[in-house]
Amino acid sequence: MDSWGHFQRNCWISKDFSFLLDYSLLLDAAGALSSANEEFQCAISEMQKTEAGEIVNGDEQRMVGHYWLRNSALCPVPELTRAIEDELAHVQRFSSAVHSGEVAPKNGEKFESLLLIGIGGSALGPQLLSEAFRTGAQPLRFYSIDNTDPDGIALTLSEIPDLGKTLVLVISKSGGTKETRNAMMLTENAFRLRGLDFAKQAVAITGEGSLLYTKAKGEGWLDIFPMWDWVGGRTSLWASVGLLPSALLGVNIDQLLQGAKEMDQWTREGELRNNPAGILAFAWRAMAKSKDMVVLPYKDRLLLTSRYLQQLVMESLGKQLDRDGQVVEEGLAVYGNKGSTDQHAYIQQLRDGRNNFFAVFIEVLHDFAQLKNPGAELLKFQKESELEVEEGTTSGDYLQGFYLGTRQALAENGRASITITIPDVSARSLGAVLALFERAVSFYASLTNINAYHQPGVEAGKKAAGRVLELKAQVESVLQGASAALTVEQVAKELGSEQNVHIFKILERLVATGAVQRTIEGDLFNALYKFR
């Protein structure tokens, strides 16, 4: 094989030469593209219907409009076009007011820290952008709480230098997400115990009329930003969920949106070989039944890319049923870390172990991120980091060497890979990368006839968690009413329940928190429990 010619035939390059998708090492999957163009036309047609406002999320009877957020002119509903444009202006106006001190905790002061409270799509996007464009000179220090773990919440709050100068963003579409509600309540309590008025430092991003909306409106929070039902959480980066914290942190959100808009345009191409998202979607379909996707960005700033894509891809494509109600058990497992860290971690297995994956490398050509305000200290250290570590070789040269070496080592052992090459870590480049994966998700869903825009499995988990909490209350009621200590089986019998395992775990947690006393007679499973 003429490897140079093969490489050229199996690369997509953007018209401005800023973005390259190399699928030359996809092995057999690359050849499948030659006969798939007719099938791809159906996916393109469905994408056109999505962008035109057709109800493609049939299970929830909703439009899917996150593509409009980076190009409002596409939106087929004039009222929504105005809403998108007004909200972008709202984000820019509010962030500027915070930076200038017009919106401040007290007269003569400025906010110094930003605390984001959310979970899943309401946190991953802002976390990714914060890490990608972090500097020592950003307008606000960034902190986030994305779980209901009290220890994690306490740790984050303890690390914030001054709660009195901290702006809090609470993000929840329904306002009823328990993890977010719990973190908000504990944060409110921390403010109250320090004599601070939480409402004067809080902003809500939520659906109109939600529980959070009602609370923020009633208590007079600083501001409220919308979440629309036609924007899913995992694509809400392009709405206030991602844009507001990013703008507050000094990220160039105009360039972020521009990069995504450009990728959207590139991926409207009807010829499969000229459409990078289509190429990805067909590659995924060829691989998904037997292989996982390992995302390996060769840049520290892109560390969280794999976590972000994990939700985007797995929540969108992991479906038991197709749109006709047939059992298909679709999906693509995603994991990863960063290069060259993984030269010393799981690359050994990727090369020599089970061939149950394909790699997606993200190569960045420029050593240093293109930042809106890098700050003098970072610029100084960047200059010092251009030092040659060997004659004619910089540390950045080594990073590329490790990427190319790993790519070759995997290929030599029959391991498939794709490489995405971008010129730099900039808002525009990252916007394009994330939009590429979003478009590939949509195409894959069309090819496999699944609904990528709902998440029944997530809802099932939430409902199951609610039943566990109901069971906990029942267990506590039984113990409180008992005249003697009870075993797990006795508690279950009192409740008429067969959930012995859950009852055991609930009781063990109550022992750990000090609410219940446990006496072990024989073995742990026959222990006796009673309230202290």
Protein backbone atom coordinates (compact mmCIF):
# COMPACT_ATOMS: atom_id res chain seq x y z
CA MET A 1 0.00 0.00 0.00
CA ASP A 2 1.19 3.53 -0.81
CA SER A 3 0.77 4.88 2.72
CA TRP A 4 1.11 8.52 1.62
CA GLY A 5 -1.50 8.08 -1.09
CA HIS A 6 -3.76 6.11 1.26
CA PHE A 7 -3.45 8.89 3.84
CA GLN A 8 -4.41 11.55 1.29
CA ARG A 9 -7.44 9.57 0.11
CA ASN A 10 -8.67 9.05 3.65
CA CYS A 11 -8.35 12.52 5.12
CA TRP A 12 -10.94 15.26 5.30
CA ILE A 13 -9.54 18.81 5.39
CA SER A 14 -11.62 21.93 5.97
CA LYS A 15 -11.73 24.55 3.25
CA ASP A 16 -9.60 26.93 5.32
CA PHE A 17 -7.12 24.11 6.12
CA SER A 18 -7.62 24.64 9.86
CA PHE A 19 -9.16 21.27 10.66
CA LEU A 20 -8.14 17.78 9.59
CA LEU A 21 -9.86 14.44 10.16
CA ASP A 22 -7.57 11.49 9.44
CA TYR A 23 -9.42 8.16 9.14
CA SER A 24 -6.68 6.41 7.16
CA LEU A 25 -6.05 3.97 10.04
CA LEU A 26 -9.64 2.82 10.40
CA LEU A 27 -8.67 -0.42 8.66
CA ASP A 28 -11.73 -2.16 7.17
CA ALA A 29 -14.12 0.57 8.33
CA ALA A 30 -12.61 3.10 5.93
CA GLY A 31 -13.50 0.96 2.90
CA ALA A 32 -17.14 0.82 3.97
CA LEU A 33 -17.56 4.50 3.16
CA SER A 34 -17.28 3.92 -0.57
CA SER A 35 -20.66 2.17 -0.79
CA ALA A 36 -22.52 4.13 1.89
CA ASN A 37 -23.23 7.46 0.22
CA GLU A 38 -26.81 6.61 -0.76
CA GLU A 39 -27.63 5.57 2.82
CA PHE A 40 -26.05 8.78 4.06
CA GLN A 41 -28.53 10.85 2.07
CA CYS A 42 -31.28 9.75 4.46
CA ALA A 43 -29.24 11.00 7.41
CA ILE A 44 -28.60 14.32 5.66
CA SER A 45 -32.31 14.66 4.93
CA GLU A 46 -33.16 14.05 8.58
CA MET A 47 -30.58 16.63 9.67
CA GLN A 48 -32.22 19.15 7.35
CA LYS A 49 -35.60 18.40 8.93
CA THR A 50 -34.10 18.82 12.41
CA GLU A 51 -32.66 22.21 11.54
CA ALA A 52 -35.97 23.18 9.94
CA GLY A 53 -37.78 22.61 13.24
CA GLU A 54 -39.49 19.26 12.64
CA ILE A 55 -40.38 17.28 15.79
CA VAL A 56 -37.54 14.74 15.72
CA ASN A 57 -37.66 13.98 19.46
CA GLY A 58 -40.89 12.05 19.08
CA ASP A 59 -40.92 10.55 22.57
CA GLU A 60 -41.08 13.99 24.17
CA GLN A 61 -42.75 15.76 21.21
CA ARG A 62 -40.01 18.37 21.05
CA MET A 63 -37.97 20.13 18.43
CA VAL A 64 -34.20 19.81 18.66
CA GLY A 65 -32.73 23.28 18.32
CA HIS A 66 -29.21 23.41 19.70
CA TYR A 67 -27.87 24.03 16.16
CA TRP A 68 -29.83 27.28 16.07
CA LEU A 69 -27.94 28.57 19.11
CA ARG A 70 -24.81 29.19 17.03
CA ASN A 71 -26.72 30.45 14.00
CA SER A 72 -30.05 31.95 14.99
CA ALA A 73 -30.87 32.72 11.34
CA LEU A 74 -31.55 29.00 10.87
CA CYS A 75 -34.33 28.98 13.44
CA PRO A 76 -37.72 28.59 11.72
CA VAL A 77 -39.65 30.28 14.54
CA PRO A 78 -39.17 34.08 14.61
CA GLU A 79 -39.98 34.31 18.32
CA LEU A 80 -37.25 31.78 19.11
CA THR A 81 -34.78 33.58 16.84
CA ARG A 82 -35.32 36.74 18.88
CA ALA A 83 -35.11 34.78 22.12
CA ILE A 84 -31.72 33.30 21.13
CA GLU A 85 -30.33 36.69 20.11
CA ASP A 86 -31.73 38.40 23.21
CA GLU A 87 -30.22 35.76 25.45
CA LEU A 88 -26.76 36.07 23.93
CA ALA A 89 -26.95 39.82 24.48
CA HIS A 90 -28.20 39.19 28.02
CA VAL A 91 -25.19 36.93 28.74
CA GLN A 92 -22.73 39.49 27.40
CA ARG A 93 -24.42 42.36 29.23
CA PHE A 94 -24.50 40.56 32.58
CA SER A 95 -20.91 39.29 32.37
CA SER A 96 -19.66 42.77 31.49
CA ALA A 97 -21.56 44.19 34.47
CA VAL A 98 -19.91 41.65 36.77
CA HIS A 99 -16.45 42.40 35.37
CA SER A 100 -16.94 46.16 35.75
CA GLY A 101 -18.36 45.89 39.26
CA GLU A 102 -21.77 47.21 38.27
CA VAL A 103 -23.14 43.87 39.53
CA ALA A 104 -21.28 43.29 42.76
CA PRO A 105 -21.67 41.75 46.23
CA LYS A 106 -21.33 45.21 47.82
CA ASN A 107 -20.71 48.76 46.64
CA GLY A 108 -17.05 49.28 45.92
CA GLU A 109 -16.34 45.56 45.64
CA LYS A 110 -16.23 43.04 42.80
CA PHE A 111 -16.97 39.36 42.63
CA GLU A 112 -13.74 37.37 42.79
CA SER A 113 -14.99 33.78 42.50
CA LEU A 114 -17.62 31.91 40.51
CA LEU A 115 -19.33 28.84 41.99
CA LEU A 116 -21.37 26.73 39.59
CA ILE A 117 -23.92 24.27 40.99
CA GLY A 118 -25.27 21.76 38.47
CA ILE A 119 -24.89 18.18 37.30
CA GLY A 120 -24.35 16.35 34.00
CA GLY A 121 -24.89 18.63 31.04
CA SER A 122 -25.42 21.54 33.42
CA ALA A 123 -21.83 21.25 34.63
CA LEU A 124 -19.63 19.34 32.15
CA GLY A 125 -19.59 22.02 29.46
CA PRO A 126 -18.60 24.88 31.79
CA GLN A 127 -16.02 22.62 33.47
CA LEU A 128 -14.48 21.71 30.12
CA LEU A 129 -14.28 25.32 28.97
CA SER A 130 -12.94 26.50 32.30
CA GLU A 131 -10.13 23.94 32.17
CA ALA A 132 -9.38 24.56 28.50
CA PHE A 133 -8.99 28.33 28.87
CA ARG A 134 -7.79 28.66 32.44
CA THR A 135 -5.27 31.43 33.12
CA GLY A 136 -3.88 33.20 36.14
CA ALA A 137 -5.53 36.39 34.92
CA GLN A 138 -9.12 35.28 34.39
CA PRO A 139 -11.72 37.65 35.87
CA LEU A 140 -13.05 35.09 38.38
CA ARG A 141 -11.73 31.93 40.01
CA PHE A 142 -13.87 28.95 39.05
CA TYR A 143 -15.33 26.34 41.39
CA SER A 144 -18.08 23.79 40.76
CA ILE A 145 -20.28 21.40 42.71
CA ASP A 146 -21.71 18.63 40.54
CA ASN A 147 -22.81 15.96 43.01
CA THR A 148 -24.83 15.41 46.16
CA ASP A 149 -21.77 14.18 48.07
CA PRO A 150 -21.69 16.26 51.29
CA ASP A 151 -17.95 15.79 51.71
CA GLY A 152 -17.27 17.03 48.17
CA ILE A 153 -19.58 19.99 48.71
CA ALA A 154 -17.88 20.88 51.99
CA LEU A 155 -14.43 20.59 50.40
CA THR A 156 -15.32 22.87 47.49
CA LEU A 157 -16.89 25.49 49.75
CA SER A 158 -13.88 25.39 52.06
CA GLU A 159 -11.53 26.11 49.14
CA ILE A 160 -13.30 29.31 48.07
CA PRO A 161 -11.28 32.21 49.52
CA ASP A 162 -14.25 34.48 50.32
CA LEU A 163 -17.88 33.39 50.03
CA GLY A 164 -18.85 37.04 50.41
CA LYS A 165 -17.26 37.77 47.04
CA THR A 166 -18.55 34.66 45.28
CA LEU A 167 -21.13 34.70 42.49
CA VAL A 168 -23.22 31.50 42.49
CA LEU A 169 -24.83 30.03 39.37
CA VAL A 170 -27.49 27.40 40.07
CA ILE A 171 -28.37 25.43 36.93
CA SER A 172 -31.34 23.08 36.61
CA LYS A 173 -33.91 22.96 33.82
CA SER A 174 -36.71 21.55 35.97
CA GLY A 175 -35.47 23.03 39.22
CA GLY A 176 -36.18 19.67 40.82
CA THR A 177 -32.93 17.82 40.14
CA LYS A 178 -32.14 16.48 43.59
CA GLU A 179 -28.36 16.60 43.38
CA THR A 180 -28.44 20.26 42.37
CA ARG A 181 -31.14 21.12 44.90
CA ASN A 182 -29.18 19.45 47.71
CA ALA A 183 -25.94 21.26 46.83
CA MET A 184 -27.81 24.56 46.62
CA MET A 185 -29.39 24.03 50.05
CA LEU A 186 -26.03 23.25 51.67
CA THR A 187 -24.46 26.26 49.96
CA GLU A 188 -27.33 28.49 51.11
CA ASN A 189 -26.76 27.23 54.64
CA ALA A 190 -23.03 28.02 54.43
CA PHE A 191 -23.90 31.58 53.35
CA ARG A 192 -26.47 31.96 56.13
CA LEU A 193 -24.06 30.76 58.83
CA ARG A 194 -21.59 33.44 57.69
CA GLY A 195 -24.18 36.19 57.78
CA LEU A 196 -24.44 36.45 53.98
CA ASP A 197 -27.57 36.97 51.90
CA PHE A 198 -27.43 34.16 49.32
CA ALA A 199 -30.06 35.75 47.07
CA LYS A 200 -27.90 38.85 46.52
CA GLN A 201 -25.12 36.68 45.10
CA ALA A 202 -27.14 34.05 43.20
CA VAL A 203 -28.18 33.60 39.58
CA ALA A 204 -30.52 30.90 38.26
CA ILE A 205 -30.37 29.22 34.86
CA THR A 206 -33.60 27.28 34.57
CA GLY A 207 -36.85 26.70 32.74
CA GLU A 208 -39.51 29.38 33.04
CA GLY A 209 -41.97 28.50 35.78
CA SER A 210 -39.78 25.75 37.28
CA LEU A 211 -39.29 25.28 41.02
CA LEU A 212 -35.93 27.04 40.77
CA TYR A 213 -37.44 29.86 38.71
CA THR A 214 -40.14 30.40 41.32
CA LYS A 215 -37.60 30.39 44.14
CA ALA A 216 -35.22 32.80 42.40
CA LYS A 217 -38.06 35.14 41.41
CA GLY A 218 -39.61 35.11 44.87
CA GLU A 219 -36.34 35.69 46.72
CA GLY A 220 -35.06 38.38 44.36
CA TRP A 221 -31.96 36.69 43.01
CA LEU A 222 -29.57 38.77 40.90
CA ASP A 223 -30.84 37.41 37.60
CA ILE A 224 -32.55 34.48 35.87
CA PHE A 225 -31.46 33.01 32.52
CA PRO A 226 -33.62 30.58 30.52
CA MET A 227 -33.28 26.92 29.64
CA TRP A 228 -35.49 25.90 26.73
CA ASP A 229 -37.14 22.50 26.36
CA TRP A 230 -35.82 22.21 22.80
CA VAL A 231 -32.21 22.23 24.05
CA GLY A 232 -31.02 19.06 25.76
CA GLY A 233 -28.71 19.25 28.76
CA ARG A 234 -25.82 17.59 26.93
CA THR A 235 -26.02 20.20 24.16
CA SER A 236 -26.69 23.20 26.42
CA LEU A 237 -23.08 24.39 26.21
CA TRP A 238 -24.22 26.74 23.43
CA ALA A 239 -26.96 28.32 25.58
CA SER A 240 -26.72 30.23 28.85
CA VAL A 241 -25.65 27.04 30.65
CA GLY A 242 -22.28 27.16 28.92
CA LEU A 243 -22.05 30.71 27.62
CA LEU A 244 -22.74 32.58 30.86
CA PRO A 245 -20.05 30.93 33.02
CA SER A 246 -17.65 31.01 30.06
CA ALA A 247 -18.19 34.72 29.49
CA LEU A 248 -17.80 35.38 33.22
CA LEU A 249 -14.46 33.52 33.10
CA GLY A 250 -13.24 35.56 30.15
CA VAL A 251 -13.67 32.94 27.39
CA ASN A 252 -14.26 34.32 23.90
CA ILE A 253 -17.81 32.99 23.46
CA ASP A 254 -18.21 34.67 20.05
CA GLN A 255 -15.33 32.58 18.73
CA LEU A 256 -16.68 29.46 20.42
CA LEU A 257 -19.99 29.91 18.62
CA GLN A 258 -18.21 30.76 15.38
CA GLY A 259 -16.19 27.54 15.43
CA ALA A 260 -19.34 25.48 15.98
CA LYS A 261 -21.17 27.39 13.26
CA GLU A 262 -18.38 26.68 10.78
CA MET A 263 -18.40 22.96 11.61
CA ASP A 264 -22.18 22.89 11.19
CA GLN A 265 -21.73 24.34 7.71
CA TRP A 266 -18.97 21.88 6.78
CA THR A 267 -21.13 18.97 7.92
CA ARG A 268 -24.11 19.92 5.75
CA GLU A 269 -22.15 18.58 2.77
CA GLY A 270 -24.19 15.88 1.00
CA GLU A 271 -21.22 13.83 -0.25
CA LEU A 272 -20.18 11.45 2.52
CA ARG A 273 -16.44 11.63 1.90
CA ASN A 274 -16.65 15.41 2.16
CA ASN A 275 -18.57 15.34 5.45
CA PRO A 276 -16.44 14.75 8.58
CA ALA A 277 -19.40 14.09 10.88
CA GLY A 278 -20.80 11.59 8.40
CA ILE A 279 -17.43 9.83 8.25
CA LEU A 280 -17.35 9.64 12.06
CA ALA A 281 -20.91 8.32 12.24
CA PHE A 282 -20.23 5.51 9.75
CA ALA A 283 -16.98 4.67 11.53
CA TRP A 284 -18.83 4.45 14.83
CA ARG A 285 -21.49 2.20 13.35
CA ALA A 286 -18.85 -0.12 11.90
CA MET A 287 -17.05 -0.31 15.24
CA ALA A 288 -19.76 0.03 17.87
CA LYS A 289 -20.95 -3.59 18.10
CA SER A 290 -17.55 -4.84 19.26
CA LYS A 291 -15.39 -1.84 20.12
CA ASP A 292 -15.28 1.08 22.57
CA MET A 293 -14.08 4.57 21.71
CA VAL A 294 -10.97 5.77 23.54
CA VAL A 295 -10.53 9.55 23.34
CA LEU A 296 -6.91 10.68 23.69
CA PRO A 297 -6.35 14.45 23.50
CA TYR A 298 -2.67 15.31 23.46
CA LYS A 299 -3.07 18.50 25.45
CA ASP A 300 -3.45 19.07 29.19
CA ARG A 301 -6.08 21.74 28.62
CA LEU A 302 -8.30 19.18 26.89
CA LEU A 303 -8.22 16.72 29.80
CA LEU A 304 -11.99 16.86 30.31
CA THR A 305 -12.82 16.28 26.64
CA SER A 306 -13.31 12.55 27.15
CA ARG A 307 -15.70 13.14 30.07
CA TYR A 308 -17.70 15.65 28.06
CA LEU A 309 -17.91 13.36 25.02
CA GLN A 310 -18.75 10.43 27.26
CA GLN A 311 -22.05 12.04 28.20
CA LEU A 312 -22.75 13.44 24.75
CA VAL A 313 -22.23 10.10 23.00
CA MET A 314 -23.34 7.56 25.60
CA GLU A 315 -26.46 9.37 26.79
CA SER A 316 -27.48 10.09 23.20
CA LEU A 317 -26.76 6.71 21.62
CA GLY A 318 -27.21 4.25 24.47
CA LYS A 319 -30.77 3.11 23.70
CA GLN A 320 -32.54 -0.19 24.23
CA LEU A 321 -35.30 0.50 21.70
CA ASP A 322 -35.27 2.08 18.27
CA ARG A 323 -37.89 4.56 17.10
CA ASP A 324 -40.14 1.69 16.02
CA GLY A 325 -40.06 0.11 19.45
CA GLN A 326 -37.76 -2.73 18.41
CA VAL A 327 -35.05 -3.92 20.82
CA VAL A 328 -31.67 -2.89 19.39
CA GLU A 329 -29.47 -2.15 22.44
CA GLU A 330 -27.50 0.51 20.61
CA GLY A 331 -24.61 2.51 22.01
CA LEU A 332 -20.93 3.30 21.99
CA ALA A 333 -18.87 3.19 25.19
CA VAL A 334 -16.49 6.14 25.56
CA TYR A 335 -13.54 6.54 27.88
CA GLY A 336 -10.14 8.18 27.81
CA ASN A 337 -7.62 10.43 29.44
CA LYS A 338 -4.85 12.52 27.90
CA GLY A 339 -1.65 11.92 26.03
CA SER A 340 1.18 11.48 26.66
CA THR A 341 0.09 10.55 30.19
CA ASP A 342 -1.35 7.35 28.78
CA GLN A 343 2.02 6.26 27.44
CA HIS A 344 2.50 5.26 31.07
CA ALA A 345 -1.02 3.99 31.75
CA TYR A 346 -3.35 1.94 29.56
CA ILE A 347 -1.58 2.24 26.20
CA GLN A 348 0.10 -1.07 27.09
CA GLN A 349 -3.25 -2.83 27.00
CA LEU A 350 -4.47 -0.89 23.98
CA ARG A 351 -1.53 -2.17 21.96
CA ASP A 352 -1.06 -5.68 23.32
CA GLY A 353 -4.34 -6.57 25.06
CA ARG A 354 -7.84 -7.15 23.74
CA ASN A 355 -8.57 -5.46 20.44
CA ASN A 356 -11.93 -4.13 21.65
CA PHE A 357 -11.53 -0.41 20.97
CA PHE A 358 -10.66 2.23 18.44
CA ALA A 359 -8.74 5.37 19.41
CA VAL A 360 -9.63 8.97 18.65
CA PHE A 361 -6.53 11.12 18.94
CA ILE A 362 -6.83 14.90 19.21
CA GLU A 363 -3.63 16.53 17.96
CA VAL A 364 -2.94 20.22 18.63
CA LEU A 365 -0.24 21.82 16.48
CA HIS A 366 0.47 25.00 18.44
CA ASP A 367 2.15 24.58 21.81
CA PHE A 368 0.19 27.27 23.63
CA ALA A 369 -3.50 28.08 23.92
CA GLN A 370 -4.88 31.15 22.22
CA LEU A 371 -6.43 33.01 25.15
CA LYS A 372 -8.48 36.18 25.39
CA ASN A 373 -6.46 37.42 28.37
CA PRO A 374 -3.52 35.14 29.21
CA GLY A 375 -1.97 37.49 31.76
CA ALA A 376 1.66 38.55 32.11
CA GLU A 377 2.69 35.64 34.35
CA LEU A 378 1.41 32.96 31.98
CA LEU A 379 2.99 34.70 28.99
CA LYS A 380 6.30 34.79 30.85
CA PHE A 381 6.23 31.07 31.61
CA GLN A 382 5.09 30.24 28.08
CA LYS A 383 8.13 32.06 26.75
CA GLU A 384 10.37 30.14 29.13
CA SER A 385 8.73 26.87 28.04
CA GLU A 386 9.94 27.35 24.47
CA LEU A 387 13.37 26.24 25.74
CA GLU A 388 14.99 23.38 23.81
CA VAL A 389 15.25 20.32 26.05
CA GLU A 390 17.63 18.78 23.54
CA GLU A 391 19.39 20.33 20.58
CA GLY A 392 16.70 21.32 18.09
CA THR A 393 13.92 19.74 20.18
CA THR A 394 11.38 21.33 22.50
CA SER A 395 9.04 19.75 25.03
CA GLY A 396 6.21 20.29 22.52
CA ASP A 397 8.16 18.34 19.89
CA TYR A 398 8.27 15.44 22.31
CA LEU A 399 4.50 15.65 22.79
CA GLN A 400 3.95 15.25 19.05
CA GLY A 401 6.53 12.48 18.97
CA PHE A 402 4.68 10.51 21.61
CA TYR A 403 1.38 10.97 19.75
CA LEU A 404 2.81 9.84 16.40
CA GLY A 405 4.70 6.99 18.05
CA THR A 406 1.59 5.73 19.81
CA ARG A 407 -0.48 6.04 16.63
CA GLN A 408 2.09 3.98 14.75
CA ALA A 409 2.51 1.40 17.51
CA LEU A 410 -1.25 0.80 17.62
CA ALA A 411 -1.51 0.56 13.82
CA GLU A 412 1.34 -1.96 13.64
CA ASN A 413 -0.67 -4.23 15.91
CA GLY A 414 -3.93 -3.93 13.99
CA ARG A 415 -5.55 -1.30 16.22
CA ALA A 416 -7.80 1.22 14.47
CA SER A 417 -7.58 4.95 15.12
CA ILE A 418 -8.84 8.33 13.96
CA THR A 419 -6.99 11.60 14.41
CA ILE A 420 -8.53 15.04 14.69
CA THR A 421 -5.93 17.75 14.12
CA ILE A 422 -6.58 21.35 15.11
CA PRO A 423 -4.17 24.29 14.87
CA ASP A 424 -4.45 25.34 18.51
CA VAL A 425 -6.48 25.28 21.69
CA SER A 426 -8.71 28.27 20.97
CA ALA A 427 -12.40 28.92 21.47
CA ARG A 428 -12.96 28.58 17.72
CA SER A 429 -11.09 25.28 17.42
CA LEU A 430 -12.74 23.71 20.46
CA GLY A 431 -16.15 24.89 19.29
CA ALA A 432 -15.56 23.10 15.99
CA VAL A 433 -14.44 19.87 17.67
CA LEU A 434 -17.47 19.70 19.96
CA ALA A 435 -19.86 20.52 17.12
CA LEU A 436 -18.28 17.76 15.02
CA PHE A 437 -19.19 15.16 17.65
CA GLU A 438 -22.70 16.56 18.04
CA ARG A 439 -23.34 16.26 14.31
CA ALA A 440 -21.87 12.75 14.25
CA VAL A 441 -24.25 11.77 17.07
CA SER A 442 -27.22 13.03 15.05
CA PHE A 443 -26.11 11.17 11.92
CA TYR A 444 -25.49 7.95 13.85
CA ALA A 445 -28.96 8.17 15.36
CA SER A 446 -30.45 8.47 11.87
CA LEU A 447 -28.43 5.54 10.55
CA THR A 448 -29.51 3.29 13.43
CA ASN A 449 -33.09 4.62 13.75
CA ILE A 450 -32.84 5.66 17.39
CA ASN A 451 -33.91 8.80 19.28
CA ALA A 452 -30.70 10.52 20.36
CA TYR A 453 -32.52 13.30 22.18
CA HIS A 454 -34.20 11.63 25.14
CA GLN A 455 -32.75 9.66 28.06
CA PRO A 456 -35.25 7.18 29.54
CA GLY A 457 -32.48 5.27 31.31
CA VAL A 458 -31.48 8.38 33.26
CA GLU A 459 -35.08 8.98 34.27
CA ALA A 460 -35.39 5.33 35.35
CA GLY A 461 -32.41 5.77 37.65
CA LYS A 462 -33.92 8.88 39.21
CA LYS A 463 -37.22 7.10 39.85
CA ALA A 464 -35.41 4.12 41.38
CA ALA A 465 -33.48 6.47 43.67
CA GLY A 466 -36.76 7.98 44.81
CA ARG A 467 -38.07 4.53 45.73
CA VAL A 468 -34.91 3.83 47.75
CA LEU A 469 -35.45 7.02 49.76
CA GLU A 470 -39.05 6.01 50.39
CA LEU A 471 -37.80 2.63 51.61
CA LYS A 472 -35.31 4.37 53.93
CA ALA A 473 -38.14 6.31 55.56
CA GLN A 474 -40.09 3.09 56.01
CA VAL A 475 -37.08 1.31 57.54
CA GLU A 476 -36.58 4.16 60.00
CA SER A 477 -40.27 4.06 60.91
CA VAL A 478 -40.09 0.32 61.64
CA LEU A 479 -37.01 0.71 63.85
CA GLN A 480 -38.48 3.64 65.72
CA GLY A 481 -41.61 1.63 66.49
CA ALA A 482 -39.82 -1.57 67.46
CA SER A 483 -39.48 -2.58 71.12
CA ALA A 484 -36.32 -4.60 70.42
CA ALA A 485 -33.46 -4.69 67.96
CA LEU A 486 -34.30 -6.23 64.57
CA THR A 487 -32.41 -8.11 61.88
CA VAL A 488 -32.56 -7.21 58.19
CA GLU A 489 -34.98 -10.06 57.58
CA GLN A 490 -37.22 -8.96 60.44
CA VAL A 491 -37.34 -5.38 59.10
CA ALA A 492 -38.16 -6.72 55.64
CA LYS A 493 -40.93 -8.90 57.06
CA GLU A 494 -42.43 -5.93 58.93
CA LEU A 495 -42.48 -3.99 55.69
CA GLY A 496 -43.71 -6.87 53.59
CA SER A 497 -40.72 -6.17 51.34
CA GLU A 498 -38.33 -8.40 49.43
CA GLN A 499 -35.74 -5.61 49.14
CA ASN A 500 -33.44 -7.20 51.75
CA VAL A 501 -30.25 -6.04 50.04
CA HIS A 502 -31.40 -2.42 49.93
CA ILE A 503 -32.61 -2.64 53.54
CA PHE A 504 -29.21 -4.01 54.60
CA LYS A 505 -27.36 -1.19 52.84
CA ILE A 506 -29.70 1.45 54.29
CA LEU A 507 -29.16 0.09 57.81
CA GLU A 508 -25.39 -0.02 57.38
CA ARG A 509 -25.37 3.62 56.32
CA LEU A 510 -27.52 4.56 59.33
CA VAL A 511 -24.94 2.77 61.51
CA ALA A 512 -22.10 4.72 59.84
CA THR A 513 -23.86 8.05 60.41
CA GLY A 514 -24.49 7.21 64.05
CA ALA A 515 -28.28 7.10 63.88
CA VAL A 516 -28.54 3.35 64.45
CA GLN A 517 -26.73 0.99 66.78
CA ARG A 518 -25.66 -2.41 65.45
CA THR A 519 -24.96 -5.57 67.43
CA ILE A 520 -23.24 -8.42 65.59
CA GLU A 521 -24.10 -11.92 66.74
CA GLY A 522 -22.44 -14.51 64.56
CA ASP A 523 -22.04 -12.73 61.24
CA LEU A 524 -22.84 -9.32 59.79
CA PHE A 525 -25.91 -10.51 57.89
CA ASN A 526 -27.60 -11.56 61.14
CA ALA A 527 -26.76 -8.31 62.97
CA LEU A 528 -29.37 -6.61 65.14
CA TYR A 529 -30.22 -2.95 64.55
CA LYS A 530 -31.95 -0.38 66.74
CA PHE A 531 -32.14 3.40 66.98
CA ARG A 532 -29.78 4.96 69.48
